[in-house]
Amino acid sequence: MKKLTLFIILILMLHSSVIISAQKQQDDRKNVSKVLDDLNIFAAKADFTNYFDLYADESVFIGTDATEIWNKSEFMAYAKPHFDKGKAWNFTSLKRNITFSKDGHYAWFDETLDTQMKICRGSGVLEKIGGKWKIKQYVLSMTVPNDISNEVIKIKAPVEDILIQQMKKK
């Protein structure tokens, strides 16, 4: 009887541990999603301070132009004039996927965005720092429909061929 009771207690403890773990991941998913939603809201409202508070001190933003690879302070310098105009950019998430590391300290995401550039993709990594999710890397990409990609390549080739040659020399 004691063994059966012990076995039942063990099963109940394992079951409650699974429930707590699932709840924690659901809470983390909501919190990461809120960071990403806030990122879009703060940009649309040109709230420079709150927007950049969502980024970790050691973070990277990779923009749509091949030359746009900035650490936080470089990105802040680029963005400041846009925010000073009273409206930076306005992105709305259409679809978002979030995945967590096994230890729960990192999350990575990809999302499809409705933007002034039409459909874009945002992707990146967040780290839980001091109990808060902070963006460590954000990558913004414009999408190109396959059926017009050859036309787009022809348009961008003259500019990017020069850039490719410059990058090869470095």
C-alpha atoms as a PDB file:
ATOM      1  CA  MET A   1       0.000   0.000   0.000  1.00  0.00           C
ATOM      2  CA  LYS A   2       2.836   2.399   0.856  1.00  0.00           C
ATOM      3  CA  LYS A   3       4.439   1.727  -2.541  1.00  0.00           C
ATOM      4  CA  LEU A   4       1.154   2.426  -4.344  1.00  0.00           C
ATOM      5  CA  THR A   5       0.647   5.653  -2.408  1.00  0.00           C
ATOM      6  CA  LEU A   6       4.215   6.722  -3.145  1.00  0.00           C
ATOM      7  CA  PHE A   7       3.734   5.861  -6.825  1.00  0.00           C
ATOM      8  CA  ILE A   8       0.511   7.930  -7.013  1.00  0.00           C
ATOM      9  CA  ILE A   9       2.193  10.900  -5.309  1.00  0.00           C
ATOM     10  CA  LEU A  10       5.092  10.665  -7.755  1.00  0.00           C
ATOM     11  CA  ILE A  11       2.718  10.588 -10.746  1.00  0.00           C
ATOM     12  CA  LEU A  12       0.804  13.607  -9.400  1.00  0.00           C
ATOM     13  CA  MET A  13       4.048  15.535  -8.875  1.00  0.00           C
ATOM     14  CA  LEU A  14       5.211  14.795 -12.411  1.00  0.00           C
ATOM     15  CA  HIS A  15       1.821  15.765 -13.815  1.00  0.00           C
ATOM     16  CA  SER A  16       1.786  19.088 -11.936  1.00  0.00           C
ATOM     17  CA  SER A  17       5.362  19.760 -13.087  1.00  0.00           C
ATOM     18  CA  VAL A  18       4.285  19.292 -16.709  1.00  0.00           C
ATOM     19  CA  ILE A  19       1.320  21.636 -16.196  1.00  0.00           C
ATOM     20  CA  ILE A  20       3.538  24.301 -14.581  1.00  0.00           C
ATOM     21  CA  SER A  21       6.092  23.976 -17.401  1.00  0.00           C
ATOM     22  CA  ALA A  22       3.385  24.328 -20.062  1.00  0.00           C
ATOM     23  CA  GLN A  23       1.976  27.385 -18.280  1.00  0.00           C
ATOM     24  CA  LYS A  24       5.431  28.961 -18.054  1.00  0.00           C
ATOM     25  CA  GLN A  25       6.011  28.462 -21.781  1.00  0.00           C
ATOM     26  CA  GLN A  26       2.568  29.918 -22.545  1.00  0.00           C
ATOM     27  CA  ASP A  27       3.406  32.958 -20.366  1.00  0.00           C
ATOM     28  CA  ASP A  28       6.799  33.342 -22.069  1.00  0.00           C
ATOM     29  CA  ARG A  29       5.130  33.137 -25.503  1.00  0.00           C
ATOM     30  CA  LYS A  30       2.719  35.930 -24.487  1.00  0.00           C
ATOM     31  CA  ASN A  31       5.579  38.036 -23.128  1.00  0.00           C
ATOM     32  CA  VAL A  32       7.751  37.616 -26.234  1.00  0.00           C
ATOM     33  CA  SER A  33       4.754  38.393 -28.428  1.00  0.00           C
ATOM     34  CA  LYS A  34       4.093  41.529 -26.368  1.00  0.00           C
ATOM     35  CA  VAL A  35       7.681  42.705 -26.866  1.00  0.00           C
ATOM     36  CA  LEU A  36       7.314  42.291 -30.631  1.00  0.00           C
ATOM     37  CA  ASP A  37       3.880  43.959 -30.676  1.00  0.00           C
ATOM     38  CA  ASP A  38       5.220  46.822 -28.534  1.00  0.00           C
ATOM     39  CA  LEU A  39       8.144  47.213 -30.927  1.00  0.00           C
ATOM     40  CA  ASN A  40       5.675  47.900 -33.733  1.00  0.00           C
ATOM     41  CA  ILE A  41       3.459  50.149 -31.586  1.00  0.00           C
ATOM     42  CA  PHE A  42       6.372  52.243 -30.295  1.00  0.00           C
ATOM     43  CA  ALA A  43       7.741  52.715 -33.830  1.00  0.00           C
ATOM     44  CA  ALA A  44       4.328  53.807 -35.130  1.00  0.00           C
ATOM     45  CA  LYS A  45       4.026  56.293 -32.228  1.00  0.00           C
ATOM     46  CA  ALA A  46       7.655  57.420 -32.656  1.00  0.00           C
ATOM     47  CA  ASP A  47       8.368  56.528 -29.021  1.00  0.00           C
ATOM     48  CA  PHE A  48      12.149  56.399 -29.325  1.00  0.00           C
ATOM     49  CA  THR A  49      12.938  55.637 -25.674  1.00  0.00           C
ATOM     50  CA  ASN A  50      10.481  52.766 -25.227  1.00  0.00           C
ATOM     51  CA  TYR A  51      11.277  51.354 -28.678  1.00  0.00           C
ATOM     52  CA  PHE A  52      14.998  51.064 -27.963  1.00  0.00           C
ATOM     53  CA  ASP A  53      14.424  49.883 -24.394  1.00  0.00           C
ATOM     54  CA  LEU A  54      13.143  46.644 -25.972  1.00  0.00           C
ATOM     55  CA  TYR A  55      16.630  45.947 -27.364  1.00  0.00           C
ATOM     56  CA  ALA A  56      19.445  44.442 -25.285  1.00  0.00           C
ATOM     57  CA  ASP A  57      22.469  46.681 -24.842  1.00  0.00           C
ATOM     58  CA  GLU A  58      24.453  44.271 -26.994  1.00  0.00           C
ATOM     59  CA  SER A  59      22.064  43.813 -29.898  1.00  0.00           C
ATOM     60  CA  VAL A  60      22.174  43.923 -33.677  1.00  0.00           C
ATOM     61  CA  PHE A  61      19.652  45.211 -36.199  1.00  0.00           C
ATOM     62  CA  ILE A  62      19.966  43.950 -39.766  1.00  0.00           C
ATOM     63  CA  GLY A  63      17.929  45.995 -42.225  1.00  0.00           C
ATOM     64  CA  THR A  64      16.699  45.473 -45.763  1.00  0.00           C
ATOM     65  CA  ASP A  65      19.735  47.135 -47.357  1.00  0.00           C
ATOM     66  CA  ALA A  66      22.875  44.973 -47.482  1.00  0.00           C
ATOM     67  CA  THR A  67      24.828  47.732 -45.712  1.00  0.00           C
ATOM     68  CA  GLU A  68      22.442  47.922 -42.748  1.00  0.00           C
ATOM     69  CA  ILE A  69      24.097  45.881 -40.009  1.00  0.00           C
ATOM     70  CA  TRP A  70      24.068  48.025 -36.892  1.00  0.00           C
ATOM     71  CA  ASN A  71      24.728  47.574 -33.209  1.00  0.00           C
ATOM     72  CA  LYS A  72      22.214  49.252 -30.895  1.00  0.00           C
ATOM     73  CA  SER A  73      23.900  52.653 -30.764  1.00  0.00           C
ATOM     74  CA  GLU A  74      24.388  52.729 -34.558  1.00  0.00           C
ATOM     75  CA  PHE A  75      20.758  51.788 -35.105  1.00  0.00           C
ATOM     76  CA  MET A  76      19.664  54.470 -32.636  1.00  0.00           C
ATOM     77  CA  ALA A  77      21.686  57.074 -34.555  1.00  0.00           C
ATOM     78  CA  TYR A  78      20.100  55.948 -37.839  1.00  0.00           C
ATOM     79  CA  ALA A  79      16.564  55.883 -36.415  1.00  0.00           C
ATOM     80  CA  LYS A  80      16.616  59.099 -34.367  1.00  0.00           C
ATOM     81  CA  PRO A  81      15.809  61.474 -37.285  1.00  0.00           C
ATOM     82  CA  HIS A  82      12.903  59.231 -38.319  1.00  0.00           C
ATOM     83  CA  PHE A  83      11.494  59.163 -34.794  1.00  0.00           C
ATOM     84  CA  ASP A  84      12.025  62.935 -34.446  1.00  0.00           C
ATOM     85  CA  LYS A  85       9.629  63.461 -37.367  1.00  0.00           C
ATOM     86  CA  GLY A  86       6.851  62.039 -35.182  1.00  0.00           C
ATOM     87  CA  LYS A  87       6.382  58.757 -37.028  1.00  0.00           C
ATOM     88  CA  ALA A  88       9.041  56.161 -37.650  1.00  0.00           C
ATOM     89  CA  TRP A  89       7.513  53.138 -39.396  1.00  0.00           C
ATOM     90  CA  ASN A  90       4.292  51.232 -39.094  1.00  0.00           C
ATOM     91  CA  PHE A  91       4.447  47.430 -39.132  1.00  0.00           C
ATOM     92  CA  THR A  92       1.668  45.005 -38.251  1.00  0.00           C
ATOM     93  CA  SER A  93       2.297  41.321 -37.655  1.00  0.00           C
ATOM     94  CA  LEU A  94       0.189  39.076 -39.876  1.00  0.00           C
ATOM     95  CA  LYS A  95       1.613  35.753 -38.700  1.00  0.00           C
ATOM     96  CA  ARG A  96       4.193  34.943 -36.033  1.00  0.00           C
ATOM     97  CA  ASN A  97       6.093  31.830 -34.966  1.00  0.00           C
ATOM     98  CA  ILE A  98       8.006  31.712 -31.661  1.00  0.00           C
ATOM     99  CA  THR A  99      10.346  28.945 -30.505  1.00  0.00           C
ATOM    100  CA  PHE A 100      12.197  28.650 -27.189  1.00  0.00           C
ATOM    101  CA  SER A 101      15.541  27.164 -26.224  1.00  0.00           C
ATOM    102  CA  LYS A 102      15.357  24.164 -23.893  1.00  0.00           C
ATOM    103  CA  ASP A 103      16.645  26.231 -20.979  1.00  0.00           C
ATOM    104  CA  GLY A 104      13.985  28.923 -21.610  1.00  0.00           C
ATOM    105  CA  HIS A 105      16.526  31.762 -21.749  1.00  0.00           C
ATOM    106  CA  TYR A 106      16.275  32.386 -25.506  1.00  0.00           C
ATOM    107  CA  ALA A 107      13.444  32.733 -27.978  1.00  0.00           C
ATOM    108  CA  TRP A 108      13.658  33.070 -31.714  1.00  0.00           C
ATOM    109  CA  PHE A 109      10.885  34.196 -33.985  1.00  0.00           C
ATOM    110  CA  ASP A 110       9.870  34.796 -37.537  1.00  0.00           C
ATOM    111  CA  GLU A 111       6.890  36.828 -38.592  1.00  0.00           C
ATOM    112  CA  THR A 112       5.204  38.091 -41.717  1.00  0.00           C
ATOM    113  CA  LEU A 113       4.612  41.830 -41.547  1.00  0.00           C
ATOM    114  CA  ASP A 114       2.288  44.280 -43.283  1.00  0.00           C
ATOM    115  CA  THR A 115       4.436  47.397 -43.847  1.00  0.00           C
ATOM    116  CA  GLN A 116       4.690  50.488 -46.050  1.00  0.00           C
ATOM    117  CA  MET A 117       7.064  48.305 -48.118  1.00  0.00           C
ATOM    118  CA  LYS A 118       4.213  45.769 -48.455  1.00  0.00           C
ATOM    119  CA  ILE A 119       4.949  42.270 -47.111  1.00  0.00           C
ATOM    120  CA  CYS A 120       8.174  42.005 -45.136  1.00  0.00           C
ATOM    121  CA  ARG A 121       9.600  39.393 -42.835  1.00  0.00           C
ATOM    122  CA  GLY A 122      10.919  40.065 -39.370  1.00  0.00           C
ATOM    123  CA  SER A 123      13.026  37.462 -37.618  1.00  0.00           C
ATOM    124  CA  GLY A 124      15.353  37.426 -34.692  1.00  0.00           C
ATOM    125  CA  VAL A 125      16.393  36.304 -31.257  1.00  0.00           C
ATOM    126  CA  LEU A 126      15.389  37.474 -27.790  1.00  0.00           C
ATOM    127  CA  GLU A 127      17.138  36.742 -24.519  1.00  0.00           C
ATOM    128  CA  LYS A 128      15.604  36.809 -21.047  1.00  0.00           C
ATOM    129  CA  ILE A 129      17.752  39.354 -19.205  1.00  0.00           C
ATOM    130  CA  GLY A 130      16.927  40.288 -15.619  1.00  0.00           C
ATOM    131  CA  GLY A 131      13.505  38.654 -15.986  1.00  0.00           C
ATOM    132  CA  LYS A 132      12.631  40.664 -19.128  1.00  0.00           C
ATOM    133  CA  TRP A 133      12.720  39.579 -22.756  1.00  0.00           C
ATOM    134  CA  LYS A 134      15.118  41.752 -24.766  1.00  0.00           C
ATOM    135  CA  ILE A 135      15.785  41.714 -28.495  1.00  0.00           C
ATOM    136  CA  LYS A 136      19.340  40.536 -29.212  1.00  0.00           C
ATOM    137  CA  GLN A 137      19.019  40.400 -32.997  1.00  0.00           C
ATOM    138  CA  TYR A 138      16.347  41.644 -35.378  1.00  0.00           C
ATOM    139  CA  VAL A 139      16.423  41.006 -39.115  1.00  0.00           C
ATOM    140  CA  LEU A 140      14.038  42.843 -41.430  1.00  0.00           C
ATOM    141  CA  SER A 141      13.711  41.434 -44.942  1.00  0.00           C
ATOM    142  CA  MET A 142      11.573  42.464 -47.871  1.00  0.00           C
ATOM    143  CA  THR A 143       9.922  39.570 -49.629  1.00  0.00           C
ATOM    144  CA  VAL A 144      10.050  39.136 -53.400  1.00  0.00           C
ATOM    145  CA  PRO A 145       7.416  36.995 -55.111  1.00  0.00           C
ATOM    146  CA  ASN A 146       9.117  34.264 -57.153  1.00  0.00           C
ATOM    147  CA  ASP A 147       7.293  35.163 -60.357  1.00  0.00           C
ATOM    148  CA  ILE A 148       8.861  38.659 -60.422  1.00  0.00           C
ATOM    149  CA  SER A 149      12.246  37.904 -58.837  1.00  0.00           C
ATOM    150  CA  ASN A 150      14.105  38.117 -62.187  1.00  0.00           C
ATOM    151  CA  GLU A 151      12.752  41.641 -62.744  1.00  0.00           C
ATOM    152  CA  VAL A 152      13.774  42.694 -59.234  1.00  0.00           C
ATOM    153  CA  ILE A 153      17.261  41.215 -59.720  1.00  0.00           C
ATOM    154  CA  LYS A 154      17.682  43.248 -62.929  1.00  0.00           C
ATOM    155  CA  ILE A 155      16.711  46.438 -61.094  1.00  0.00           C
ATOM    156  CA  LYS A 156      19.029  45.921 -58.134  1.00  0.00           C
ATOM    157  CA  ALA A 157      21.972  44.347 -60.004  1.00  0.00           C
ATOM    158  CA  PRO A 158      23.758  47.601 -60.985  1.00  0.00           C
ATOM    159  CA  VAL A 159      23.827  48.804 -57.367  1.00  0.00           C
ATOM    160  CA  GLU A 160      24.566  45.458 -55.738  1.00  0.00           C
ATOM    161  CA  ASP A 161      27.210  44.358 -58.254  1.00  0.00           C
ATOM    162  CA  ILE A 162      29.318  47.320 -57.089  1.00  0.00           C
ATOM    163  CA  LEU A 163      28.613  46.466 -53.449  1.00  0.00           C
ATOM    164  CA  ILE A 164      29.580  42.828 -54.014  1.00  0.00           C
ATOM    165  CA  GLN A 165      32.921  43.889 -55.471  1.00  0.00           C
ATOM    166  CA  GLN A 166      33.541  46.236 -52.523  1.00  0.00           C
ATOM    167  CA  MET A 167      32.714  43.478 -50.034  1.00  0.00           C
ATOM    168  CA  LYS A 168      35.024  41.023 -51.773  1.00  0.00           C
ATOM    169  CA  LYS A 169      37.920  43.462 -51.345  1.00  0.00           C
ATOM    170  CA  LYS A 170      37.473  43.729 -47.580  1.00  0.00           C
END
